[in-house]
């Protein structure tokens, strides 16, 4: 009888994201920032006539495909795992902004990837960059989708800046332990804790 009661008891809330999500979050952060830096700070300064542009494009395109795959896997894992309750800043406007910005990440990343793939096909980049046949166009701006790719990259930069600002606000102003949610450690709050202690721990790990 005791065994039945124990199994029927509700699971304690989780205080951290699944380890797979934690790993993917930090890996994607590095890959996305690296891809943006390569595109906005390095590739833009290399003429299409320079052989180094092919090497830069090869890295940029490979990284872009990897980012898309990881983002889709991350979305799948997120829908199939338990995650902490929704965070709150105590300000409804900031809470709505956080909710919207997190979802806009997927829009910006997939939009950049989609526009990049479309432009690559228009310019026959797979054949040129990976097949070694043909030459690059004099300027990618001749393709209208280049503007779309550019705008999505700037949107993504703005979202990253907002994301970092939010994390710093939670860490140094609210001091609510937000970043613990994206770290490794015990995920479930011990069910034997007293109610006040449980409440404090939940508050500490909420965004």
C-alpha atoms as a PDB file:
ATOM      1  CA  UNK A   1       0.000   0.000   0.000  1.00  0.00           C
ATOM      2  CA  UNK A   2       2.876   2.310   0.856  1.00  0.00           C
ATOM      3  CA  UNK A   3       4.442   1.566  -2.516  1.00  0.00           C
ATOM      4  CA  UNK A   4       1.251   2.594  -4.323  1.00  0.00           C
ATOM      5  CA  UNK A   5       1.019   5.871  -2.402  1.00  0.00           C
ATOM      6  CA  UNK A   6       4.640   6.635  -3.101  1.00  0.00           C
ATOM      7  CA  UNK A   7       4.299   6.080  -6.835  1.00  0.00           C
ATOM      8  CA  UNK A   8       1.074   8.070  -6.952  1.00  0.00           C
ATOM      9  CA  UNK A   9       2.668  11.111  -5.309  1.00  0.00           C
ATOM     10  CA  UNK A  10       3.154  14.032  -7.690  1.00  0.00           C
ATOM     11  CA  UNK A  11       6.678  14.674  -8.923  1.00  0.00           C
ATOM     12  CA  UNK A  12       8.556  17.564  -7.365  1.00  0.00           C
ATOM     13  CA  UNK A  13       9.076  20.598  -9.640  1.00  0.00           C
ATOM     14  CA  UNK A  14      12.335  20.850 -11.555  1.00  0.00           C
ATOM     15  CA  UNK A  15      14.787  23.644 -10.812  1.00  0.00           C
ATOM     16  CA  UNK A  16      17.028  23.201 -13.877  1.00  0.00           C
ATOM     17  CA  UNK A  17      16.656  22.407 -17.547  1.00  0.00           C
ATOM     18  CA  UNK A  18      17.445  18.944 -18.848  1.00  0.00           C
ATOM     19  CA  UNK A  19      21.242  18.400 -19.188  1.00  0.00           C
ATOM     20  CA  UNK A  20      20.845  17.958 -22.950  1.00  0.00           C
ATOM     21  CA  UNK A  21      19.220  21.376 -23.194  1.00  0.00           C
ATOM     22  CA  UNK A  22      21.926  22.903 -21.022  1.00  0.00           C
ATOM     23  CA  UNK A  23      24.681  21.561 -23.278  1.00  0.00           C
ATOM     24  CA  UNK A  24      22.868  22.612 -26.449  1.00  0.00           C
ATOM     25  CA  UNK A  25      22.170  26.084 -25.066  1.00  0.00           C
ATOM     26  CA  UNK A  26      25.851  26.865 -24.482  1.00  0.00           C
ATOM     27  CA  UNK A  27      27.051  25.153 -27.659  1.00  0.00           C
ATOM     28  CA  UNK A  28      24.518  27.093 -29.717  1.00  0.00           C
ATOM     29  CA  UNK A  29      25.483  30.332 -27.988  1.00  0.00           C
ATOM     30  CA  UNK A  30      29.108  29.856 -29.066  1.00  0.00           C
ATOM     31  CA  UNK A  31      28.215  28.748 -32.608  1.00  0.00           C
ATOM     32  CA  UNK A  32      25.721  31.567 -33.247  1.00  0.00           C
ATOM     33  CA  UNK A  33      28.032  34.301 -31.957  1.00  0.00           C
ATOM     34  CA  UNK A  34      30.920  32.831 -33.977  1.00  0.00           C
ATOM     35  CA  UNK A  35      28.792  32.684 -37.148  1.00  0.00           C
ATOM     36  CA  UNK A  36      27.630  36.269 -36.693  1.00  0.00           C
ATOM     37  CA  UNK A  37      31.177  37.480 -36.038  1.00  0.00           C
ATOM     38  CA  UNK A  38      32.499  35.630 -39.077  1.00  0.00           C
ATOM     39  CA  UNK A  39      29.821  37.112 -41.304  1.00  0.00           C
ATOM     40  CA  UNK A  40      29.715  40.667 -39.976  1.00  0.00           C
ATOM     41  CA  UNK A  41      33.358  41.242 -39.048  1.00  0.00           C
ATOM     42  CA  UNK A  42      35.428  38.962 -41.291  1.00  0.00           C
ATOM     43  CA  UNK A  43      33.629  37.938 -44.480  1.00  0.00           C
ATOM     44  CA  UNK A  44      32.328  41.420 -45.192  1.00  0.00           C
ATOM     45  CA  UNK A  45      35.945  42.637 -45.526  1.00  0.00           C
ATOM     46  CA  UNK A  46      37.035  39.884 -47.928  1.00  0.00           C
ATOM     47  CA  UNK A  47      36.362  40.539 -51.650  1.00  0.00           C
ATOM     48  CA  UNK A  48      34.620  37.729 -53.503  1.00  0.00           C
ATOM     49  CA  UNK A  49      37.633  37.559 -55.808  1.00  0.00           C
ATOM     50  CA  UNK A  50      39.916  36.602 -52.906  1.00  0.00           C
ATOM     51  CA  UNK A  51      40.433  32.795 -52.555  1.00  0.00           C
ATOM     52  CA  UNK A  52      40.106  33.218 -48.779  1.00  0.00           C
ATOM     53  CA  UNK A  53      36.432  34.048 -49.320  1.00  0.00           C
ATOM     54  CA  UNK A  54      35.801  30.418 -50.264  1.00  0.00           C
ATOM     55  CA  UNK A  55      37.328  29.212 -46.994  1.00  0.00           C
ATOM     56  CA  UNK A  56      35.276  31.714 -45.007  1.00  0.00           C
ATOM     57  CA  UNK A  57      32.087  30.747 -46.847  1.00  0.00           C
ATOM     58  CA  UNK A  58      32.773  27.062 -46.274  1.00  0.00           C
ATOM     59  CA  UNK A  59      33.040  27.623 -42.515  1.00  0.00           C
ATOM     60  CA  UNK A  60      30.045  29.965 -42.459  1.00  0.00           C
ATOM     61  CA  UNK A  61      27.780  27.606 -44.413  1.00  0.00           C
ATOM     62  CA  UNK A  62      28.823  24.527 -42.430  1.00  0.00           C
ATOM     63  CA  UNK A  63      28.264  26.364 -39.164  1.00  0.00           C
ATOM     64  CA  UNK A  64      24.873  27.606 -40.335  1.00  0.00           C
ATOM     65  CA  UNK A  65      23.649  24.118 -41.183  1.00  0.00           C
ATOM     66  CA  UNK A  66      24.896  22.803 -37.821  1.00  0.00           C
ATOM     67  CA  UNK A  67      23.116  25.622 -35.971  1.00  0.00           C
ATOM     68  CA  UNK A  68      19.803  24.873 -37.701  1.00  0.00           C
ATOM     69  CA  UNK A  69      20.033  21.161 -36.928  1.00  0.00           C
ATOM     70  CA  UNK A  70      20.852  21.822 -33.272  1.00  0.00           C
ATOM     71  CA  UNK A  71      18.059  24.396 -32.961  1.00  0.00           C
ATOM     72  CA  UNK A  72      15.493  21.921 -34.282  1.00  0.00           C
ATOM     73  CA  UNK A  73      16.792  19.156 -32.008  1.00  0.00           C
ATOM     74  CA  UNK A  74      16.722  21.604 -29.082  1.00  0.00           C
ATOM     75  CA  UNK A  75      13.113  22.478 -29.828  1.00  0.00           C
ATOM     76  CA  UNK A  76      12.205  18.776 -29.939  1.00  0.00           C
ATOM     77  CA  UNK A  77      13.999  18.017 -26.655  1.00  0.00           C
ATOM     78  CA  UNK A  78      12.385  21.031 -25.000  1.00  0.00           C
ATOM     79  CA  UNK A  79       8.889  19.806 -25.879  1.00  0.00           C
ATOM     80  CA  UNK A  80       9.640  16.367 -24.421  1.00  0.00           C
ATOM     81  CA  UNK A  81      11.321  17.308 -21.143  1.00  0.00           C
ATOM     82  CA  UNK A  82      10.281  19.009 -17.936  1.00  0.00           C
ATOM     83  CA  UNK A  83      11.565  22.521 -17.412  1.00  0.00           C
ATOM     84  CA  UNK A  84      11.376  25.124 -14.623  1.00  0.00           C
ATOM     85  CA  UNK A  85       8.313  27.271 -14.186  1.00  0.00           C
ATOM     86  CA  UNK A  86       8.104  30.553 -16.081  1.00  0.00           C
ATOM     87  CA  UNK A  87      10.367  33.224 -14.658  1.00  0.00           C
ATOM     88  CA  UNK A  88       9.123  36.623 -13.562  1.00  0.00           C
ATOM     89  CA  UNK A  89      10.801  39.984 -13.120  1.00  0.00           C
ATOM     90  CA  UNK A  90       7.850  41.358 -11.194  1.00  0.00           C
ATOM     91  CA  UNK A  91       7.138  43.682 -14.121  1.00  0.00           C
ATOM     92  CA  UNK A  92       4.433  42.552 -16.607  1.00  0.00           C
ATOM     93  CA  UNK A  93       5.999  44.483 -19.502  1.00  0.00           C
ATOM     94  CA  UNK A  94       9.446  42.944 -18.954  1.00  0.00           C
ATOM     95  CA  UNK A  95       7.868  39.504 -18.572  1.00  0.00           C
ATOM     96  CA  UNK A  96       6.071  39.833 -21.912  1.00  0.00           C
ATOM     97  CA  UNK A  97       9.262  41.094 -23.536  1.00  0.00           C
ATOM     98  CA  UNK A  98      11.180  38.079 -22.223  1.00  0.00           C
ATOM     99  CA  UNK A  99       8.470  35.690 -23.444  1.00  0.00           C
ATOM    100  CA  UNK A 100       8.468  37.239 -26.920  1.00  0.00           C
ATOM    101  CA  UNK A 101      12.250  37.533 -27.262  1.00  0.00           C
ATOM    102  CA  UNK A 102      12.836  33.865 -26.430  1.00  0.00           C
ATOM    103  CA  UNK A 103      10.474  32.816 -29.207  1.00  0.00           C
ATOM    104  CA  UNK A 104      11.914  35.351 -31.618  1.00  0.00           C
ATOM    105  CA  UNK A 105      15.253  33.557 -31.312  1.00  0.00           C
ATOM    106  CA  UNK A 106      13.814  30.650 -33.286  1.00  0.00           C
ATOM    107  CA  UNK A 107      12.343  33.032 -35.864  1.00  0.00           C
ATOM    108  CA  UNK A 108      15.631  34.897 -36.286  1.00  0.00           C
ATOM    109  CA  UNK A 109      17.842  31.794 -36.489  1.00  0.00           C
ATOM    110  CA  UNK A 110      15.557  29.909 -38.859  1.00  0.00           C
ATOM    111  CA  UNK A 111      14.998  33.074 -40.896  1.00  0.00           C
ATOM    112  CA  UNK A 112      18.738  33.600 -41.262  1.00  0.00           C
ATOM    113  CA  UNK A 113      19.233  29.971 -42.200  1.00  0.00           C
ATOM    114  CA  UNK A 114      16.375  29.959 -44.693  1.00  0.00           C
ATOM    115  CA  UNK A 115      17.497  33.162 -46.404  1.00  0.00           C
ATOM    116  CA  UNK A 116      21.100  31.919 -46.413  1.00  0.00           C
ATOM    117  CA  UNK A 117      20.143  28.616 -48.015  1.00  0.00           C
ATOM    118  CA  UNK A 118      18.016  30.407 -50.620  1.00  0.00           C
ATOM    119  CA  UNK A 119      20.872  32.758 -51.481  1.00  0.00           C
ATOM    120  CA  UNK A 120      23.355  29.884 -51.608  1.00  0.00           C
ATOM    121  CA  UNK A 121      21.183  28.055 -54.121  1.00  0.00           C
ATOM    122  CA  UNK A 122      20.717  31.193 -56.211  1.00  0.00           C
ATOM    123  CA  UNK A 123      24.483  31.740 -56.357  1.00  0.00           C
ATOM    124  CA  UNK A 124      25.213  28.009 -56.775  1.00  0.00           C
ATOM    125  CA  UNK A 125      27.442  28.139 -53.693  1.00  0.00           C
ATOM    126  CA  UNK A 126      27.337  24.383 -52.915  1.00  0.00           C
ATOM    127  CA  UNK A 127      29.008  23.666 -56.255  1.00  0.00           C
ATOM    128  CA  UNK A 128      31.456  26.563 -55.996  1.00  0.00           C
ATOM    129  CA  UNK A 129      32.379  26.310 -52.325  1.00  0.00           C
ATOM    130  CA  UNK A 130      32.308  22.542 -51.800  1.00  0.00           C
ATOM    131  CA  UNK A 131      32.689  21.278 -55.375  1.00  0.00           C
ATOM    132  CA  UNK A 132      35.447  23.605 -56.476  1.00  0.00           C
ATOM    133  CA  UNK A 133      33.693  24.465 -59.753  1.00  0.00           C
ATOM    134  CA  UNK A 134      32.720  27.922 -60.964  1.00  0.00           C
ATOM    135  CA  UNK A 135      33.367  31.360 -59.472  1.00  0.00           C
ATOM    136  CA  UNK A 136      31.648  33.516 -56.901  1.00  0.00           C
ATOM    137  CA  UNK A 137      29.456  36.406 -58.051  1.00  0.00           C
ATOM    138  CA  UNK A 138      31.103  39.808 -57.846  1.00  0.00           C
ATOM    139  CA  UNK A 139      28.739  40.869 -55.036  1.00  0.00           C
ATOM    140  CA  UNK A 140      26.076  38.944 -53.105  1.00  0.00           C
ATOM    141  CA  UNK A 141      24.007  42.120 -52.782  1.00  0.00           C
ATOM    142  CA  UNK A 142      22.786  41.543 -56.346  1.00  0.00           C
ATOM    143  CA  UNK A 143      20.457  38.958 -54.781  1.00  0.00           C
ATOM    144  CA  UNK A 144      17.454  40.600 -53.017  1.00  0.00           C
ATOM    145  CA  UNK A 145      17.457  37.839 -50.386  1.00  0.00           C
ATOM    146  CA  UNK A 146      20.848  39.170 -49.220  1.00  0.00           C
ATOM    147  CA  UNK A 147      18.968  42.064 -47.621  1.00  0.00           C
ATOM    148  CA  UNK A 148      16.679  39.616 -45.812  1.00  0.00           C
ATOM    149  CA  UNK A 149      19.705  37.682 -44.553  1.00  0.00           C
ATOM    150  CA  UNK A 150      21.262  40.930 -43.328  1.00  0.00           C
ATOM    151  CA  UNK A 151      18.117  42.048 -41.487  1.00  0.00           C
ATOM    152  CA  UNK A 152      17.724  38.703 -39.741  1.00  0.00           C
ATOM    153  CA  UNK A 153      21.363  38.872 -38.634  1.00  0.00           C
ATOM    154  CA  UNK A 154      20.797  42.298 -37.056  1.00  0.00           C
ATOM    155  CA  UNK A 155      17.629  41.080 -35.378  1.00  0.00           C
ATOM    156  CA  UNK A 156      19.548  38.144 -33.943  1.00  0.00           C
ATOM    157  CA  UNK A 157      22.292  40.474 -32.666  1.00  0.00           C
ATOM    158  CA  UNK A 158      19.679  42.619 -30.928  1.00  0.00           C
ATOM    159  CA  UNK A 159      18.057  39.544 -29.346  1.00  0.00           C
ATOM    160  CA  UNK A 160      21.419  38.299 -28.059  1.00  0.00           C
ATOM    161  CA  UNK A 161      22.132  41.710 -26.513  1.00  0.00           C
ATOM    162  CA  UNK A 162      18.671  41.713 -24.916  1.00  0.00           C
ATOM    163  CA  UNK A 163      19.164  38.140 -23.668  1.00  0.00           C
ATOM    164  CA  UNK A 164      22.483  39.035 -22.024  1.00  0.00           C
ATOM    165  CA  UNK A 165      21.002  42.191 -20.501  1.00  0.00           C
ATOM    166  CA  UNK A 166      18.137  40.145 -19.058  1.00  0.00           C
ATOM    167  CA  UNK A 167      20.506  37.587 -17.562  1.00  0.00           C
ATOM    168  CA  UNK A 168      22.603  40.353 -15.974  1.00  0.00           C
ATOM    169  CA  UNK A 169      19.447  42.022 -14.617  1.00  0.00           C
ATOM    170  CA  UNK A 170      18.315  38.785 -12.951  1.00  0.00           C
ATOM    171  CA  UNK A 171      21.796  38.070 -11.620  1.00  0.00           C
ATOM    172  CA  UNK A 172      22.843  41.446 -10.234  1.00  0.00           C
ATOM    173  CA  UNK A 173      19.564  43.334  -9.658  1.00  0.00           C
ATOM    174  CA  UNK A 174      16.987  40.668  -8.793  1.00  0.00           C
ATOM    175  CA  UNK A 175      19.621  38.198  -7.505  1.00  0.00           C
ATOM    176  CA  UNK A 176      17.234  35.299  -8.094  1.00  0.00           C
ATOM    177  CA  UNK A 177      19.730  32.682  -9.286  1.00  0.00           C
ATOM    178  CA  UNK A 178      18.472  32.671 -12.875  1.00  0.00           C
ATOM    179  CA  UNK A 179      21.651  31.248 -14.408  1.00  0.00           C
ATOM    180  CA  UNK A 180      21.437  28.125 -12.236  1.00  0.00           C
ATOM    181  CA  UNK A 181      18.661  26.945 -14.503  1.00  0.00           C
ATOM    182  CA  UNK A 182      21.180  26.604 -17.325  1.00  0.00           C
ATOM    183  CA  UNK A 183      23.746  24.747 -15.223  1.00  0.00           C
ATOM    184  CA  UNK A 184      24.333  21.166 -14.167  1.00  0.00           C
ATOM    185  CA  UNK A 185      23.213  19.680 -10.870  1.00  0.00           C
ATOM    186  CA  UNK A 186      20.216  18.230  -9.105  1.00  0.00           C
ATOM    187  CA  UNK A 187      17.096  18.998 -11.143  1.00  0.00           C
ATOM    188  CA  UNK A 188      14.249  18.079  -8.817  1.00  0.00           C
ATOM    189  CA  UNK A 189      13.581  19.830  -5.536  1.00  0.00           C
ATOM    190  CA  UNK A 190      13.526  17.362  -2.649  1.00  0.00           C
ATOM    191  CA  UNK A 191       9.924  16.493  -1.815  1.00  0.00           C
ATOM    192  CA  UNK A 192      10.717  16.132   1.914  1.00  0.00           C
ATOM    193  CA  UNK A 193      11.646  19.782   2.287  1.00  0.00           C
ATOM    194  CA  UNK A 194       9.353  21.956   4.341  1.00  0.00           C
ATOM    195  CA  UNK A 195       6.981  24.261   2.514  1.00  0.00           C
ATOM    196  CA  UNK A 196       8.870  27.506   3.330  1.00  0.00           C
ATOM    197  CA  UNK A 197      12.188  25.970   2.262  1.00  0.00           C
ATOM    198  CA  UNK A 198      10.651  24.629  -0.916  1.00  0.00           C
ATOM    199  CA  UNK A 199       9.201  28.024  -1.696  1.00  0.00           C
ATOM    200  CA  UNK A 200      12.568  29.720  -1.202  1.00  0.00           C
ATOM    201  CA  UNK A 201      14.357  27.256  -3.473  1.00  0.00           C
ATOM    202  CA  UNK A 202      11.772  27.630  -6.217  1.00  0.00           C
ATOM    203  CA  UNK A 203      12.171  31.410  -6.056  1.00  0.00           C
ATOM    204  CA  UNK A 204      15.949  31.128  -6.254  1.00  0.00           C
ATOM    205  CA  UNK A 205      15.910  29.148  -9.501  1.00  0.00           C
ATOM    206  CA  UNK A 206      13.086  30.909 -11.293  1.00  0.00           C
ATOM    207  CA  UNK A 207      14.090  33.165 -14.142  1.00  0.00           C
END
